Amino acid sequence: MAITFTNNFKGILDKLRGIIRTEFKSTLPVYIGHETKDAGTQFLRLDPIGSELLKYDISAETREFTIDMYYYFSEPNVNKNALDQVLRVTSRIEALIHDNISMTLADSSRCFNCRIQTTELNALDDENEYVVQLTWIGQHLANVG
């Protein structure tokens, strides 16, 4: 017998991308995974990392999902003005997630306790880009029966 399931990762990623796109409009393209061809001088990439089971019941389970967010700023020499821009966008993303501590997904389920757990500046050793890694974490009640 086939099971009925919901792709919770897709639901969370789609909602997160929608929230960020609404805030930044076309100034910050948002991609899921490695679909970043022709991305421009700055963009955000959402990379799903995993989930952890927090609570298991006969009727439901609560999982904590982790998504790494990479903000790419394509400039080899990051001077003070460029760094100001990077820090401004980074702080804006952190504030946006704080203002969306709870999200209703397309399937009407809710993701809650959403937060940026860590932020690492210049996270990747790349000579041509400055990359900020933000780790997003949120909890989701699923498989409710």
N, C-alpha and C. Protein backbone atom coordinates (compact mmCIF):
# COMPACT_ATOMS: atom_id res chain seq x y z
N MET A 1 0.84 -1.18 0.00
CA MET A 1 0.00 0.00 0.00
C MET A 1 0.89 1.24 0.00
N ALA A 2 0.60 2.18 -0.87
CA ALA A 2 1.37 3.42 -0.97
C ALA A 2 1.03 4.35 0.19
N ILE A 3 2.04 5.07 0.66
CA ILE A 3 1.82 6.02 1.75
C ILE A 3 1.45 7.39 1.19
N THR A 4 0.84 8.19 2.03
CA THR A 4 0.56 9.57 1.70
C THR A 4 1.57 10.42 2.48
N PHE A 5 2.22 11.33 1.78
CA PHE A 5 3.22 12.15 2.46
C PHE A 5 3.22 13.56 1.88
N THR A 6 3.88 14.45 2.60
CA THR A 6 4.07 15.82 2.16
C THR A 6 5.57 16.09 2.13
N ASN A 7 6.04 16.72 1.07
CA ASN A 7 7.45 17.08 0.98
C ASN A 7 7.66 18.34 1.82
N ASN A 8 7.98 18.14 3.10
CA ASN A 8 8.10 19.25 4.03
C ASN A 8 9.28 20.16 3.69
N PHE A 9 10.39 19.59 3.23
CA PHE A 9 11.52 20.42 2.84
C PHE A 9 11.11 21.40 1.75
N LYS A 10 10.41 20.91 0.72
CA LYS A 10 9.99 21.78 -0.38
C LYS A 10 9.07 22.88 0.12
N GLY A 11 8.14 22.52 0.99
CA GLY A 11 7.22 23.52 1.53
C GLY A 11 7.92 24.62 2.30
N ILE A 12 8.90 24.22 3.12
CA ILE A 12 9.64 25.20 3.91
C ILE A 12 10.53 26.06 3.01
N LEU A 13 11.24 25.42 2.08
CA LEU A 13 12.12 26.17 1.17
C LEU A 13 11.33 27.15 0.32
N ASP A 14 10.20 26.72 -0.23
CA ASP A 14 9.37 27.60 -1.06
C ASP A 14 8.86 28.80 -0.26
N LYS A 15 8.42 28.57 0.97
CA LYS A 15 7.91 29.66 1.80
C LYS A 15 9.03 30.63 2.17
N LEU A 16 10.18 30.09 2.55
CA LEU A 16 11.32 30.92 2.91
C LEU A 16 11.77 31.78 1.72
N ARG A 17 11.85 31.16 0.54
CA ARG A 17 12.21 31.91 -0.67
C ARG A 17 11.18 33.00 -0.95
N GLY A 18 9.90 32.69 -0.79
CA GLY A 18 8.85 33.68 -1.02
C GLY A 18 8.94 34.87 -0.08
N ILE A 19 9.22 34.62 1.18
CA ILE A 19 9.36 35.71 2.16
C ILE A 19 10.52 36.62 1.79
N ILE A 20 11.65 36.01 1.42
CA ILE A 20 12.84 36.80 1.08
C ILE A 20 12.62 37.57 -0.22
N ARG A 21 12.02 36.92 -1.21
CA ARG A 21 11.75 37.59 -2.49
C ARG A 21 10.79 38.76 -2.32
N THR A 22 9.81 38.61 -1.46
CA THR A 22 8.86 39.70 -1.21
C THR A 22 9.57 40.89 -0.59
N GLU A 23 10.48 40.63 0.32
CA GLU A 23 11.21 41.72 0.99
C GLU A 23 12.18 42.43 0.06
N PHE A 24 12.96 41.66 -0.70
CA PHE A 24 14.04 42.23 -1.49
C PHE A 24 13.66 42.53 -2.94
N LYS A 25 12.48 42.09 -3.36
CA LYS A 25 12.04 42.24 -4.76
C LYS A 25 13.11 41.68 -5.70
N SER A 26 13.50 42.42 -6.70
CA SER A 26 14.47 41.90 -7.67
C SER A 26 15.91 42.26 -7.33
N THR A 27 16.14 42.92 -6.19
CA THR A 27 17.50 43.33 -5.84
C THR A 27 18.35 42.19 -5.31
N LEU A 28 17.71 41.11 -4.85
CA LEU A 28 18.44 39.96 -4.34
C LEU A 28 17.77 38.68 -4.84
N PRO A 29 18.27 38.12 -5.94
CA PRO A 29 17.71 36.86 -6.42
C PRO A 29 17.92 35.75 -5.36
N VAL A 30 16.93 34.86 -5.25
CA VAL A 30 17.00 33.77 -4.27
C VAL A 30 16.87 32.45 -5.02
N TYR A 31 17.83 31.56 -4.78
CA TYR A 31 17.87 30.26 -5.45
C TYR A 31 17.84 29.15 -4.42
N ILE A 32 17.31 28.01 -4.82
CA ILE A 32 17.32 26.82 -3.97
C ILE A 32 18.30 25.84 -4.56
N GLY A 33 19.19 25.34 -3.73
CA GLY A 33 20.21 24.41 -4.21
C GLY A 33 21.25 25.12 -5.03
N HIS A 34 21.70 24.48 -6.08
CA HIS A 34 22.80 25.02 -6.88
C HIS A 34 22.33 25.56 -8.23
N GLU A 35 21.12 26.08 -8.31
CA GLU A 35 20.57 26.63 -9.56
C GLU A 35 20.96 28.10 -9.71
N THR A 36 22.25 28.40 -9.62
CA THR A 36 22.68 29.79 -9.56
C THR A 36 23.37 30.30 -10.82
N LYS A 37 23.05 29.77 -11.97
CA LYS A 37 23.67 30.27 -13.20
C LYS A 37 23.16 31.68 -13.50
N ASP A 38 24.05 32.52 -13.98
CA ASP A 38 23.71 33.91 -14.31
C ASP A 38 23.05 34.63 -13.14
N ALA A 39 23.63 34.48 -11.96
CA ALA A 39 23.01 35.01 -10.75
C ALA A 39 23.23 36.51 -10.54
N GLY A 40 24.21 37.10 -11.16
CA GLY A 40 24.46 38.52 -10.98
C GLY A 40 25.50 38.78 -9.91
N THR A 41 25.56 40.04 -9.47
CA THR A 41 26.62 40.44 -8.55
C THR A 41 26.34 40.07 -7.10
N GLN A 42 25.08 39.87 -6.76
CA GLN A 42 24.73 39.40 -5.42
C GLN A 42 23.49 38.53 -5.51
N PHE A 43 23.47 37.47 -4.70
CA PHE A 43 22.32 36.58 -4.66
C PHE A 43 22.36 35.77 -3.38
N LEU A 44 21.24 35.12 -3.09
CA LEU A 44 21.12 34.27 -1.90
C LEU A 44 20.79 32.86 -2.36
N ARG A 45 21.51 31.90 -1.80
CA ARG A 45 21.27 30.49 -2.13
C ARG A 45 20.82 29.76 -0.87
N LEU A 46 19.69 29.04 -0.96
CA LEU A 46 19.17 28.23 0.14
C LEU A 46 19.59 26.79 -0.08
N ASP A 47 20.26 26.21 0.89
CA ASP A 47 20.80 24.86 0.78
C ASP A 47 20.28 24.02 1.94
N PRO A 48 19.32 23.11 1.68
CA PRO A 48 18.80 22.28 2.78
C PRO A 48 19.89 21.37 3.33
N ILE A 49 20.00 21.32 4.66
CA ILE A 49 21.04 20.55 5.32
C ILE A 49 20.49 19.26 5.94
N GLY A 50 19.37 19.34 6.64
CA GLY A 50 18.82 18.13 7.26
C GLY A 50 17.69 18.47 8.21
N SER A 51 17.21 17.42 8.86
CA SER A 51 16.17 17.59 9.88
C SER A 51 16.47 16.64 11.03
N GLU A 52 16.00 17.03 12.19
CA GLU A 52 16.20 16.22 13.40
C GLU A 52 14.85 16.00 14.07
N LEU A 53 14.57 14.76 14.44
CA LEU A 53 13.33 14.44 15.13
C LEU A 53 13.42 14.93 16.57
N LEU A 54 12.48 15.80 16.95
CA LEU A 54 12.47 16.35 18.31
C LEU A 54 11.46 15.64 19.20
N LYS A 55 10.30 15.32 18.61
CA LYS A 55 9.23 14.69 19.39
C LYS A 55 8.47 13.74 18.49
N TYR A 56 8.22 12.55 18.98
CA TYR A 56 7.52 11.53 18.20
C TYR A 56 6.33 11.03 18.98
N ASP A 57 5.15 11.09 18.38
CA ASP A 57 3.92 10.57 18.97
C ASP A 57 3.26 9.66 17.94
N ILE A 58 2.28 8.91 18.37
CA ILE A 58 1.53 8.06 17.45
C ILE A 58 0.83 8.92 16.40
N SER A 59 0.38 10.11 16.78
CA SER A 59 -0.42 10.93 15.87
C SER A 59 0.36 12.01 15.13
N ALA A 60 1.64 12.24 15.46
CA ALA A 60 2.40 13.30 14.79
C ALA A 60 3.87 13.25 15.19
N GLU A 61 4.66 14.03 14.49
CA GLU A 61 6.07 14.19 14.87
C GLU A 61 6.48 15.64 14.67
N THR A 62 7.39 16.10 15.52
CA THR A 62 7.94 17.44 15.39
C THR A 62 9.39 17.31 14.99
N ARG A 63 9.74 17.98 13.90
CA ARG A 63 11.11 17.96 13.39
C ARG A 63 11.67 19.37 13.36
N GLU A 64 12.98 19.45 13.56
CA GLU A 64 13.68 20.71 13.41
C GLU A 64 14.48 20.66 12.11
N PHE A 65 14.19 21.58 11.22
CA PHE A 65 14.83 21.63 9.91
C PHE A 65 15.96 22.65 9.92
N THR A 66 17.04 22.32 9.22
CA THR A 66 18.18 23.22 9.10
C THR A 66 18.43 23.52 7.62
N ILE A 67 18.56 24.80 7.34
CA ILE A 67 18.82 25.27 5.97
C ILE A 67 19.95 26.29 6.05
N ASP A 68 21.01 26.06 5.29
CA ASP A 68 22.06 27.06 5.19
C ASP A 68 21.69 28.05 4.10
N MET A 69 21.87 29.31 4.42
CA MET A 69 21.60 30.40 3.48
C MET A 69 22.95 31.04 3.19
N TYR A 70 23.31 31.08 1.91
CA TYR A 70 24.58 31.68 1.50
C TYR A 70 24.30 32.96 0.73
N TYR A 71 24.78 34.07 1.27
CA TYR A 71 24.66 35.35 0.58
C TYR A 71 25.98 35.61 -0.14
N TYR A 72 25.91 35.65 -1.47
CA TYR A 72 27.09 35.86 -2.30
C TYR A 72 27.14 37.32 -2.75
N PHE A 73 28.30 37.91 -2.57
CA PHE A 73 28.55 39.27 -3.03
C PHE A 73 29.79 39.20 -3.91
N SER A 74 29.61 39.35 -5.21
CA SER A 74 30.69 39.14 -6.18
C SER A 74 31.53 40.39 -6.35
N GLU A 75 32.53 40.50 -5.53
CA GLU A 75 33.50 41.57 -5.67
C GLU A 75 34.80 41.08 -5.05
N PRO A 76 35.86 41.04 -5.84
CA PRO A 76 37.11 40.47 -5.33
C PRO A 76 37.73 41.28 -4.21
N ASN A 77 37.64 42.62 -4.27
CA ASN A 77 38.23 43.47 -3.24
C ASN A 77 37.11 44.13 -2.45
N VAL A 78 36.85 43.62 -1.27
CA VAL A 78 35.77 44.15 -0.46
C VAL A 78 36.31 45.31 0.37
N ASN A 79 36.03 46.53 -0.11
CA ASN A 79 36.43 47.72 0.62
C ASN A 79 35.36 48.08 1.64
N LYS A 80 35.51 49.21 2.30
CA LYS A 80 34.56 49.58 3.35
C LYS A 80 33.14 49.73 2.81
N ASN A 81 32.96 50.37 1.64
CA ASN A 81 31.62 50.54 1.08
C ASN A 81 30.98 49.20 0.74
N ALA A 82 31.76 48.29 0.16
CA ALA A 82 31.24 46.97 -0.17
C ALA A 82 30.91 46.20 1.10
N LEU A 83 31.76 46.28 2.11
CA LEU A 83 31.49 45.59 3.37
C LEU A 83 30.25 46.15 4.04
N ASP A 84 30.06 47.46 3.97
CA ASP A 84 28.83 48.07 4.50
C ASP A 84 27.60 47.47 3.83
N GLN A 85 27.65 47.30 2.52
CA GLN A 85 26.53 46.69 1.78
C GLN A 85 26.29 45.25 2.24
N VAL A 86 27.35 44.47 2.37
CA VAL A 86 27.23 43.08 2.81
C VAL A 86 26.61 43.02 4.20
N LEU A 87 27.08 43.84 5.11
CA LEU A 87 26.56 43.83 6.48
C LEU A 87 25.12 44.33 6.54
N ARG A 88 24.78 45.29 5.68
CA ARG A 88 23.40 45.80 5.62
C ARG A 88 22.44 44.70 5.17
N VAL A 89 22.80 43.98 4.10
CA VAL A 89 21.94 42.90 3.60
C VAL A 89 21.85 41.77 4.62
N THR A 90 22.99 41.43 5.22
CA THR A 90 23.00 40.37 6.23
C THR A 90 22.09 40.71 7.41
N SER A 91 22.20 41.92 7.91
CA SER A 91 21.35 42.35 9.04
C SER A 91 19.88 42.38 8.64
N ARG A 92 19.61 42.77 7.41
CA ARG A 92 18.22 42.81 6.92
C ARG A 92 17.63 41.40 6.86
N ILE A 93 18.43 40.42 6.40
CA ILE A 93 17.96 39.02 6.37
C ILE A 93 17.70 38.53 7.78
N GLU A 94 18.61 38.81 8.70
CA GLU A 94 18.41 38.39 10.10
C GLU A 94 17.13 38.99 10.67
N ALA A 95 16.90 40.28 10.43
CA ALA A 95 15.69 40.94 10.93
C ALA A 95 14.43 40.37 10.28
N LEU A 96 14.51 40.07 8.99
CA LEU A 96 13.37 39.50 8.28
C LEU A 96 12.97 38.15 8.86
N ILE A 97 13.95 37.31 9.13
CA ILE A 97 13.65 36.00 9.72
C ILE A 97 13.09 36.17 11.12
N HIS A 98 13.63 37.11 11.89
CA HIS A 98 13.11 37.37 13.23
C HIS A 98 11.65 37.80 13.17
N ASP A 99 11.29 38.57 12.16
CA ASP A 99 9.91 39.02 12.01
C ASP A 99 8.99 37.93 11.47
N ASN A 100 9.56 36.82 11.03
CA ASN A 100 8.78 35.67 10.53
C ASN A 100 9.13 34.44 11.35
N ILE A 101 8.97 34.56 12.66
CA ILE A 101 9.31 33.47 13.57
C ILE A 101 8.38 32.27 13.37
N SER A 102 7.23 32.53 12.76
CA SER A 102 6.27 31.49 12.43
C SER A 102 5.80 31.70 10.99
N MET A 103 5.69 30.61 10.23
CA MET A 103 5.29 30.70 8.83
C MET A 103 4.22 29.65 8.54
N THR A 104 3.19 30.04 7.82
CA THR A 104 2.19 29.08 7.36
C THR A 104 2.60 28.63 5.97
N LEU A 105 2.74 27.31 5.79
CA LEU A 105 3.19 26.76 4.52
C LEU A 105 2.00 26.57 3.58
N ALA A 106 2.28 26.23 2.34
CA ALA A 106 1.24 26.07 1.32
C ALA A 106 0.21 25.00 1.68
N ASP A 107 0.63 23.98 2.46
CA ASP A 107 -0.30 22.91 2.86
C ASP A 107 -1.05 23.24 4.15
N SER A 108 -0.97 24.50 4.60
CA SER A 108 -1.61 25.02 5.81
C SER A 108 -0.96 24.56 7.11
N SER A 109 0.12 23.81 7.04
CA SER A 109 0.85 23.47 8.25
C SER A 109 1.71 24.67 8.64
N ARG A 110 2.27 24.64 9.85
CA ARG A 110 3.04 25.79 10.33
C ARG A 110 4.46 25.38 10.66
N CYS A 111 5.36 26.27 10.34
CA CYS A 111 6.75 26.15 10.75
C CYS A 111 6.93 27.22 11.83
N PHE A 112 7.50 26.86 12.96
CA PHE A 112 7.57 27.78 14.09
C PHE A 112 8.98 27.76 14.70
N ASN A 113 9.22 28.70 15.62
CA ASN A 113 10.55 28.88 16.22
C ASN A 113 11.61 29.07 15.14
N CYS A 114 11.26 29.78 14.08
CA CYS A 114 12.19 30.02 12.97
C CYS A 114 13.19 31.08 13.40
N ARG A 115 14.46 30.83 13.09
CA ARG A 115 15.49 31.75 13.53
C ARG A 115 16.77 31.57 12.72
N ILE A 116 17.61 32.58 12.74
CA ILE A 116 18.97 32.46 12.23
C ILE A 116 19.81 32.08 13.44
N GLN A 117 20.34 30.88 13.44
CA GLN A 117 21.10 30.37 14.57
C GLN A 117 22.53 30.93 14.58
N THR A 118 23.17 30.96 13.41
CA THR A 118 24.53 31.48 13.32
C THR A 118 24.69 32.26 12.02
N THR A 119 25.63 33.19 12.06
CA THR A 119 26.02 33.95 10.87
C THR A 119 27.54 33.96 10.83
N GLU A 120 28.10 33.55 9.69
CA GLU A 120 29.55 33.55 9.53
C GLU A 120 29.92 34.43 8.34
N LEU A 121 30.72 35.44 8.60
CA LEU A 121 31.16 36.34 7.55
C LEU A 121 32.35 35.76 6.82
N ASN A 122 32.42 36.04 5.52
CA ASN A 122 33.51 35.55 4.66
C ASN A 122 33.71 34.04 4.86
N ALA A 123 32.61 33.30 4.74
CA ALA A 123 32.57 31.89 5.12
C ALA A 123 33.31 30.96 4.16
N LEU A 124 33.39 31.31 2.89
CA LEU A 124 34.04 30.45 1.92
C LEU A 124 35.31 31.11 1.41
N ASP A 125 36.34 30.32 1.25
CA ASP A 125 37.59 30.86 0.71
C ASP A 125 37.49 30.99 -0.80
N ASP A 126 36.98 32.11 -1.26
CA ASP A 126 36.84 32.38 -2.68
C ASP A 126 37.39 33.77 -2.95
N GLU A 127 38.34 33.86 -3.84
CA GLU A 127 38.99 35.14 -4.12
C GLU A 127 38.09 36.13 -4.84
N ASN A 128 37.07 35.64 -5.54
CA ASN A 128 36.24 36.52 -6.36
C ASN A 128 34.91 36.88 -5.72
N GLU A 129 34.58 36.28 -4.57
CA GLU A 129 33.29 36.53 -3.94
C GLU A 129 33.46 36.60 -2.42
N TYR A 130 32.64 37.43 -1.82
CA TYR A 130 32.52 37.49 -0.37
C TYR A 130 31.24 36.74 -0.05
N VAL A 131 31.31 35.73 0.80
CA VAL A 131 30.17 34.87 1.07
C VAL A 131 29.85 34.88 2.56
N VAL A 132 28.59 35.15 2.87
CA VAL A 132 28.10 35.10 4.25
C VAL A 132 27.23 33.86 4.37
N GLN A 133 27.49 33.03 5.38
CA GLN A 133 26.68 31.84 5.63
C GLN A 133 25.81 32.10 6.85
N LEU A 134 24.50 31.99 6.65
CA LEU A 134 23.54 32.11 7.74
C LEU A 134 22.86 30.75 7.89
N THR A 135 22.78 30.25 9.10
CA THR A 135 22.13 28.97 9.33
C THR A 135 20.74 29.22 9.90
N TRP A 136 19.73 28.85 9.09
CA TRP A 136 18.32 28.99 9.46
C TRP A 136 17.85 27.69 10.10
N ILE A 137 17.10 27.80 11.19
CA ILE A 137 16.52 26.63 11.86
C ILE A 137 15.06 26.92 12.14
N GLY A 138 14.20 25.93 11.90
CA GLY A 138 12.78 26.07 12.22
C GLY A 138 12.18 24.71 12.53
N GLN A 139 11.15 24.71 13.34
CA GLN A 139 10.47 23.46 13.73
C GLN A 139 9.15 23.33 12.99
N HIS A 140 8.77 22.07 12.75
CA HIS A 140 7.57 21.81 11.96
C HIS A 140 6.88 20.56 12.50
N LEU A 141 5.58 20.67 12.73
CA LEU A 141 4.76 19.54 13.15
C LEU A 141 4.20 18.88 11.91
N ALA A 142 4.47 17.58 11.73
CA ALA A 142 4.07 16.90 10.50
C ALA A 142 3.54 15.50 10.79
N ASN A 143 3.12 14.85 9.73
CA ASN A 143 2.55 13.50 9.81
C ASN A 143 1.45 13.40 10.86
N VAL A 144 0.64 14.45 10.88
CA VAL A 144 -0.47 14.48 11.83
C VAL A 144 -1.54 13.54 11.34
N GLY A 145 -1.95 12.64 12.22
CA GLY A 145 -2.95 11.66 11.80
C GLY A 145 -4.08 11.47 12.73
